[in-house]
């Protein structure tokens, strides 16, 4: 039923719970493909050098750490695991990956790290639910 799963994580507690749920889902459904996506907002170019390069390196290091924690939370699954680190609007990136990869389900946390922004603009999970091309499993 869910052969292709996307797990969207941001390093939050809800994101790690979503990772565990995605692992359980992949094991129970005997999924073929599990794609872990870490999407992060871009770094403003006005920082200039050398600040821009330092900020990029720090952001990539943080994204790799989030990815590693998510992989640990997922555990061993029968699916082939793919990873993607994407710069840009998290909601738009997740939706685009789901469309491009023809995913069967998106698994993500109900709250991320940007609570204030979510309260003002609408959370990433709300945007994904509204525009996703497939079912979305929101984990609390």
Protein backbone atom coordinates (compact mmCIF):
# COMPACT_ATOMS: atom_id res chain seq x y z
CA UNK A 1 0.00 0.00 0.00
CA UNK A 2 2.72 2.50 0.99
CA UNK A 3 5.69 1.42 -1.14
CA UNK A 4 7.24 4.90 -1.28
CA UNK A 5 7.41 6.84 1.98
CA UNK A 6 8.74 10.33 2.52
CA UNK A 7 9.86 11.23 6.02
CA UNK A 8 10.25 14.98 6.53
CA UNK A 9 12.29 15.90 9.60
CA UNK A 10 13.57 19.11 11.14
CA UNK A 11 15.29 17.92 14.31
CA UNK A 12 12.34 18.62 16.59
CA UNK A 13 10.91 16.16 19.10
CA UNK A 14 7.84 15.70 16.89
CA UNK A 15 10.11 15.08 13.92
CA UNK A 16 11.92 12.28 15.73
CA UNK A 17 8.60 10.72 16.71
CA UNK A 18 7.64 10.89 13.04
CA UNK A 19 10.90 9.10 12.17
CA UNK A 20 10.03 6.25 14.52
CA UNK A 21 6.54 6.07 13.04
CA UNK A 22 7.93 6.05 9.48
CA UNK A 23 10.21 3.17 10.43
CA UNK A 24 7.29 1.22 11.88
CA UNK A 25 5.20 1.97 8.81
CA UNK A 26 7.97 0.84 6.46
CA UNK A 27 8.45 -2.41 8.39
CA UNK A 28 4.72 -3.19 8.61
CA UNK A 29 3.98 -2.31 4.98
CA UNK A 30 7.22 -3.86 3.70
CA UNK A 31 7.88 -0.62 1.85
CA UNK A 32 10.39 -0.51 -0.98
CA UNK A 33 11.56 3.09 -0.63
CA UNK A 34 11.97 5.42 2.35
CA UNK A 35 13.20 8.91 1.55
CA UNK A 36 14.33 11.09 4.46
CA UNK A 37 14.10 14.80 3.64
CA UNK A 38 15.66 17.60 5.64
CA UNK A 39 14.56 20.94 4.19
CA UNK A 40 15.82 24.23 5.54
CA UNK A 41 15.35 27.89 4.73
CA UNK A 42 18.02 29.49 2.59
CA UNK A 43 20.76 31.67 3.99
CA UNK A 44 20.56 35.31 2.92
CA UNK A 45 23.31 36.24 0.47
CA UNK A 46 23.70 39.70 2.00
CA UNK A 47 25.83 38.14 4.75
CA UNK A 48 28.78 38.34 2.38
CA UNK A 49 32.06 36.48 2.61
CA UNK A 50 33.44 34.94 4.80
CA UNK A 51 30.23 34.96 6.87
CA UNK A 52 28.16 33.39 4.10
CA UNK A 53 30.49 30.41 3.71
CA UNK A 54 30.62 29.89 7.49
CA UNK A 55 26.81 30.02 7.71
CA UNK A 56 26.44 27.52 4.86
CA UNK A 57 28.89 25.11 6.47
CA UNK A 58 27.14 25.40 9.84
CA UNK A 59 23.72 24.83 8.24
CA UNK A 60 24.95 21.73 6.37
CA UNK A 61 26.54 20.34 9.54
CA UNK A 62 23.26 20.86 11.41
CA UNK A 63 21.26 19.24 8.58
CA UNK A 64 23.60 16.21 8.55
CA UNK A 65 23.14 15.82 12.34
CA UNK A 66 19.34 15.95 11.94
CA UNK A 67 19.55 13.36 9.17
CA UNK A 68 21.71 11.07 11.32
CA UNK A 69 19.28 11.25 14.27
CA UNK A 70 16.36 10.52 11.96
CA UNK A 71 18.11 7.48 10.48
CA UNK A 72 18.76 6.15 13.99
CA UNK A 73 15.10 6.69 14.94
CA UNK A 74 13.89 4.89 11.79
CA UNK A 75 16.01 1.84 12.58
CA UNK A 76 16.32 -1.18 10.31
CA UNK A 77 13.71 -1.29 7.57
CA UNK A 78 13.25 -3.49 4.49
CA UNK A 79 13.07 -0.36 2.34
CA UNK A 80 15.94 1.21 0.49
CA UNK A 81 16.74 4.44 2.33
CA UNK A 82 17.50 7.62 0.39
CA UNK A 83 18.33 11.01 1.88
CA UNK A 84 17.88 14.55 0.62
CA UNK A 85 19.08 17.84 2.07
CA UNK A 86 17.18 20.68 0.42
CA UNK A 87 17.59 24.43 0.76
CA UNK A 88 14.36 26.37 0.37
CA UNK A 89 10.92 26.64 1.85
CA UNK A 90 10.44 23.39 3.83
CA UNK A 91 6.76 22.97 2.88
CA UNK A 92 7.39 23.60 -0.82
CA UNK A 93 10.43 21.31 -0.82
CA UNK A 94 8.52 18.44 0.81
CA UNK A 95 5.61 18.81 -1.61
CA UNK A 96 7.94 18.94 -4.62
CA UNK A 97 9.83 15.81 -3.51
CA UNK A 98 6.52 13.98 -3.03
CA UNK A 99 5.43 14.93 -6.55
CA UNK A 100 8.77 14.19 -8.20
CA UNK A 101 9.29 10.86 -6.45
CA UNK A 102 5.62 9.84 -6.82
CA UNK A 103 5.39 9.08 -3.10
CA UNK A 104 2.54 7.17 -1.53
CA UNK A 105 2.62 8.95 1.85
CA UNK A 106 4.41 11.77 3.67
CA UNK A 107 5.21 11.32 7.36
CA UNK A 108 6.10 14.39 9.43
CA UNK A 109 5.80 15.89 12.89
CA UNK A 110 2.90 18.10 13.89
CA UNK A 111 5.16 20.83 15.23
CA UNK A 112 8.62 21.81 14.22
CA UNK A 113 11.23 24.15 15.54
CA UNK A 114 9.63 27.32 14.16
CA UNK A 115 6.63 27.69 16.43
CA UNK A 116 6.37 31.49 16.26
CA UNK A 117 6.61 31.56 12.49
CA UNK A 118 4.04 28.77 12.32
CA UNK A 119 1.65 30.72 14.48
CA UNK A 120 1.90 33.77 12.23
CA UNK A 121 2.08 32.24 8.77
CA UNK A 122 0.65 28.75 9.12
CA UNK A 123 2.81 25.78 9.97
CA UNK A 124 4.79 23.66 7.55
CA UNK A 125 2.59 20.65 8.33
CA UNK A 126 -0.57 22.64 7.53
CA UNK A 127 0.86 23.74 4.19
CA UNK A 128 1.94 20.21 3.31
CA UNK A 129 -1.47 18.74 4.22
CA UNK A 130 -3.19 21.38 2.08
CA UNK A 131 -1.06 20.88 -1.04
CA UNK A 132 0.42 17.37 -0.92
CA UNK A 133 -0.21 15.03 -3.86
CA UNK A 134 -0.60 12.07 -1.49
CA UNK A 135 -1.83 11.25 2.04
CA UNK A 136 0.06 12.92 4.91
CA UNK A 137 0.54 11.28 8.30
CA UNK A 138 1.06 13.92 10.99
CA UNK A 139 2.70 12.59 14.16
CA UNK A 140 2.26 14.28 17.54
